[in-house]
């Protein structure tokens, strides 16, 4: 089937750039990534991921992380497990 339908969307430039960087690492261009998303919506008859409203605790955690507060930086997976006591 010929590709004749068009999707247009306005995005924040930084979001677009970051997403397209991820697509490139996956070997996809934006059109291919959007097609994968649409196919998954079609196959699942819904969004291919959960959409939830964050709790107040989650919101506070996101805000703290974005501000650089209460972060634990790990050198690698072993360091992370050690810091977690696992």
N, C-alpha and C. Protein backbone atom coordinates (compact mmCIF):
# COMPACT_ATOMS: atom_id res chain seq x y z
N UNK A 1 0.84 -1.18 0.00
CA UNK A 1 0.00 0.00 0.00
C UNK A 1 0.88 1.24 0.00
N UNK A 2 0.50 2.20 -0.77
CA UNK A 2 1.24 3.45 -0.90
C UNK A 2 1.06 4.31 0.35
N UNK A 3 2.14 4.95 0.76
CA UNK A 3 2.08 5.87 1.90
C UNK A 3 1.63 7.23 1.39
N UNK A 4 0.39 7.59 1.70
CA UNK A 4 -0.13 8.86 1.23
C UNK A 4 -0.66 9.75 2.35
N UNK A 5 -0.88 9.21 3.54
CA UNK A 5 -1.39 10.01 4.65
C UNK A 5 -0.23 10.72 5.34
N UNK A 6 -0.52 11.90 5.85
CA UNK A 6 0.53 12.69 6.51
C UNK A 6 0.10 13.00 7.93
N UNK A 7 1.08 12.98 8.85
CA UNK A 7 0.87 13.38 10.24
C UNK A 7 1.75 14.59 10.48
N UNK A 8 1.17 15.63 11.07
CA UNK A 8 1.95 16.83 11.42
C UNK A 8 1.79 17.07 12.90
N UNK A 9 2.88 17.42 13.55
CA UNK A 9 2.82 17.69 14.99
C UNK A 9 3.83 18.76 15.33
N UNK A 10 3.51 19.57 16.32
CA UNK A 10 4.44 20.57 16.83
C UNK A 10 5.02 20.03 18.13
N UNK A 11 6.35 20.06 18.22
CA UNK A 11 7.05 19.56 19.40
C UNK A 11 8.05 20.59 19.88
N UNK A 12 8.42 20.47 21.13
CA UNK A 12 9.52 21.28 21.64
C UNK A 12 10.78 20.83 20.91
N UNK A 13 11.59 21.76 20.43
CA UNK A 13 12.78 21.38 19.67
C UNK A 13 13.71 20.41 20.42
N UNK A 14 13.92 20.62 21.72
CA UNK A 14 14.80 19.73 22.46
C UNK A 14 14.24 18.31 22.54
N UNK A 15 12.92 18.20 22.71
CA UNK A 15 12.29 16.88 22.75
C UNK A 15 12.47 16.18 21.40
N UNK A 16 12.22 16.90 20.33
CA UNK A 16 12.37 16.34 18.98
C UNK A 16 13.81 15.87 18.75
N UNK A 17 14.77 16.72 19.07
CA UNK A 17 16.18 16.38 18.86
C UNK A 17 16.59 15.15 19.66
N UNK A 18 16.18 15.11 20.93
CA UNK A 18 16.54 13.98 21.78
C UNK A 18 15.90 12.69 21.26
N UNK A 19 14.62 12.75 20.93
CA UNK A 19 13.93 11.55 20.43
C UNK A 19 14.56 11.06 19.14
N UNK A 20 14.87 11.99 18.23
CA UNK A 20 15.47 11.58 16.96
C UNK A 20 16.87 11.03 17.14
N UNK A 21 17.57 11.47 18.18
CA UNK A 21 18.87 10.89 18.51
C UNK A 21 18.70 9.43 18.93
N UNK A 22 17.68 9.17 19.72
CA UNK A 22 17.38 7.79 20.13
C UNK A 22 16.99 6.96 18.90
N UNK A 23 16.15 7.52 18.05
CA UNK A 23 15.75 6.80 16.83
C UNK A 23 16.98 6.40 16.01
N UNK A 24 17.92 7.34 15.84
CA UNK A 24 19.13 7.04 15.06
C UNK A 24 19.91 5.89 15.67
N UNK A 25 20.01 5.87 17.00
CA UNK A 25 20.72 4.77 17.67
C UNK A 25 20.02 3.44 17.42
N UNK A 26 18.72 3.50 17.20
CA UNK A 26 17.94 2.30 16.92
C UNK A 26 17.89 1.97 15.43
N UNK A 27 18.52 2.82 14.61
CA UNK A 27 18.53 2.61 13.17
C UNK A 27 17.23 3.02 12.50
N UNK A 28 16.50 3.96 13.12
CA UNK A 28 15.22 4.41 12.58
C UNK A 28 15.27 5.90 12.27
N UNK A 29 14.45 6.31 11.31
CA UNK A 29 14.22 7.74 11.14
C UNK A 29 12.87 8.06 11.78
N UNK A 30 12.48 9.32 11.81
CA UNK A 30 11.25 9.71 12.49
C UNK A 30 10.02 9.04 11.87
N UNK A 31 9.97 8.96 10.56
CA UNK A 31 8.83 8.33 9.89
C UNK A 31 8.71 6.86 10.29
N UNK A 32 9.83 6.16 10.32
CA UNK A 32 9.80 4.75 10.70
C UNK A 32 9.37 4.59 12.16
N UNK A 33 9.87 5.46 13.04
CA UNK A 33 9.50 5.38 14.46
C UNK A 33 8.01 5.64 14.65
N UNK A 34 7.48 6.63 13.94
CA UNK A 34 6.05 6.92 14.04
C UNK A 34 5.24 5.74 13.49
N UNK A 35 5.70 5.14 12.42
CA UNK A 35 5.01 3.97 11.85
C UNK A 35 5.00 2.81 12.85
N UNK A 36 6.13 2.58 13.53
CA UNK A 36 6.19 1.53 14.56
C UNK A 36 5.17 1.84 15.65
N UNK A 37 5.11 3.08 16.10
CA UNK A 37 4.15 3.47 17.13
C UNK A 37 2.73 3.21 16.66
N UNK A 38 2.37 3.65 15.47
CA UNK A 38 1.03 3.44 14.95
C UNK A 38 0.70 1.95 14.81
N UNK A 39 1.67 1.16 14.36
CA UNK A 39 1.44 -0.29 14.24
C UNK A 39 1.15 -0.91 15.60
N UNK A 40 1.90 -0.49 16.60
CA UNK A 40 1.68 -1.01 17.95
C UNK A 40 0.31 -0.60 18.48
N UNK A 41 -0.11 0.62 18.21
CA UNK A 41 -1.46 1.06 18.60
C UNK A 41 -2.49 0.18 17.92
N UNK A 42 -2.29 -0.08 16.64
CA UNK A 42 -3.22 -0.92 15.88
C UNK A 42 -3.26 -2.35 16.44
N UNK A 43 -2.09 -2.93 16.70
CA UNK A 43 -2.03 -4.31 17.18
C UNK A 43 -2.62 -4.48 18.58
N UNK A 44 -2.41 -3.48 19.43
CA UNK A 44 -2.87 -3.56 20.82
C UNK A 44 -4.26 -2.96 21.01
N UNK A 45 -4.75 -2.29 19.97
CA UNK A 45 -6.03 -1.59 20.05
C UNK A 45 -6.02 -0.58 21.20
N UNK A 46 -4.89 0.09 21.34
CA UNK A 46 -4.71 1.08 22.40
C UNK A 46 -3.25 1.52 22.41
N UNK A 47 -2.92 2.36 23.36
CA UNK A 47 -1.53 2.80 23.47
C UNK A 47 -0.62 1.64 23.87
N UNK A 48 0.60 1.60 23.34
CA UNK A 48 1.51 0.49 23.65
C UNK A 48 2.27 0.66 24.96
N UNK A 49 1.75 1.49 25.85
CA UNK A 49 2.36 1.70 27.16
C UNK A 49 1.28 2.22 28.08
N UNK A 50 1.50 2.08 29.38
CA UNK A 50 0.55 2.58 30.35
C UNK A 50 0.66 4.09 30.46
N UNK A 51 -0.47 4.74 30.55
CA UNK A 51 -0.51 6.18 30.79
C UNK A 51 -1.16 6.38 32.14
N UNK A 52 -0.40 6.96 33.06
CA UNK A 52 -0.90 7.12 34.43
C UNK A 52 -0.62 8.54 34.91
N UNK A 53 -1.42 8.96 35.86
CA UNK A 53 -1.20 10.25 36.50
C UNK A 53 -0.27 10.00 37.68
N UNK A 54 0.88 10.69 37.75
CA UNK A 54 1.81 10.44 38.85
C UNK A 54 1.20 10.82 40.19
N UNK A 55 1.56 10.07 41.21
CA UNK A 55 1.14 10.38 42.57
C UNK A 55 1.90 11.60 43.07
N UNK A 56 1.47 12.16 44.18
CA UNK A 56 2.17 13.33 44.73
C UNK A 56 3.61 12.98 45.10
N UNK A 57 3.84 11.75 45.56
CA UNK A 57 5.20 11.32 45.90
C UNK A 57 6.06 11.26 44.64
N UNK A 58 5.50 10.73 43.57
CA UNK A 58 6.24 10.64 42.31
C UNK A 58 6.55 12.04 41.78
N UNK A 59 5.58 12.94 41.86
CA UNK A 59 5.82 14.32 41.40
C UNK A 59 6.95 14.97 42.19
N UNK A 60 6.93 14.80 43.53
CA UNK A 60 7.99 15.39 44.36
C UNK A 60 9.35 14.78 43.99
N UNK A 61 9.37 13.50 43.73
CA UNK A 61 10.61 12.82 43.36
C UNK A 61 11.14 13.35 42.04
N UNK A 62 10.26 13.50 41.04
CA UNK A 62 10.67 14.06 39.75
C UNK A 62 11.23 15.46 39.93
N UNK A 63 10.53 16.29 40.71
CA UNK A 63 10.98 17.66 40.93
C UNK A 63 12.34 17.71 41.61
N UNK A 64 12.53 16.84 42.62
CA UNK A 64 13.81 16.79 43.32
C UNK A 64 14.92 16.34 42.38
N UNK A 65 14.64 15.33 41.57
CA UNK A 65 15.64 14.83 40.62
C UNK A 65 16.02 15.89 39.61
N UNK A 66 15.02 16.58 39.06
CA UNK A 66 15.30 17.62 38.08
C UNK A 66 16.11 18.76 38.68
N UNK A 67 15.92 19.00 39.98
CA UNK A 67 16.67 20.06 40.66
C UNK A 67 18.04 19.57 41.13
N UNK A 68 18.31 18.28 40.97
CA UNK A 68 19.60 17.72 41.37
C UNK A 68 19.69 17.38 42.84
N UNK A 69 18.55 17.26 43.52
CA UNK A 69 18.53 16.93 44.94
C UNK A 69 18.31 15.44 45.15
N UNK A 70 18.90 14.92 46.24
CA UNK A 70 18.68 13.53 46.66
C UNK A 70 19.06 12.52 45.58
N UNK A 71 20.08 12.82 44.81
CA UNK A 71 20.53 11.89 43.77
C UNK A 71 21.63 10.98 44.31
N UNK A 72 21.61 9.75 43.89
CA UNK A 72 22.68 8.81 44.20
C UNK A 72 23.31 8.45 42.86
N UNK A 73 24.56 8.82 42.70
CA UNK A 73 25.27 8.57 41.45
C UNK A 73 26.08 7.30 41.59
N UNK A 74 25.94 6.42 40.61
CA UNK A 74 26.65 5.14 40.64
C UNK A 74 27.60 5.07 39.45
N UNK A 75 28.74 4.47 39.68
CA UNK A 75 29.74 4.33 38.62
C UNK A 75 29.34 3.26 37.61
N UNK A 76 28.70 2.21 38.08
CA UNK A 76 28.29 1.11 37.21
C UNK A 76 27.26 0.27 37.97
N UNK A 77 26.83 -0.83 37.37
CA UNK A 77 25.79 -1.67 37.98
C UNK A 77 26.26 -2.25 39.31
N UNK A 78 27.52 -2.68 39.39
CA UNK A 78 28.02 -3.24 40.65
C UNK A 78 27.98 -2.20 41.77
N UNK A 79 28.37 -0.98 41.45
CA UNK A 79 28.34 0.10 42.44
C UNK A 79 26.89 0.36 42.88
N UNK A 80 25.96 0.32 41.94
CA UNK A 80 24.56 0.53 42.28
C UNK A 80 24.05 -0.56 43.22
N UNK A 81 24.36 -1.82 42.88
CA UNK A 81 23.90 -2.92 43.75
C UNK A 81 24.51 -2.82 45.14
N UNK A 82 25.77 -2.42 45.21
CA UNK A 82 26.42 -2.26 46.48
C UNK A 82 25.74 -1.17 47.31
N UNK A 83 25.45 -0.05 46.67
CA UNK A 83 24.78 1.05 47.37
C UNK A 83 23.36 0.68 47.79
N UNK A 84 22.73 -0.22 47.04
CA UNK A 84 21.40 -0.69 47.39
C UNK A 84 21.44 -1.80 48.44
N UNK A 85 22.63 -2.31 48.69
CA UNK A 85 22.77 -3.40 49.66
C UNK A 85 22.32 -4.75 49.12
N UNK A 86 22.42 -4.89 47.82
CA UNK A 86 21.98 -6.16 47.17
C UNK A 86 23.19 -6.99 46.82
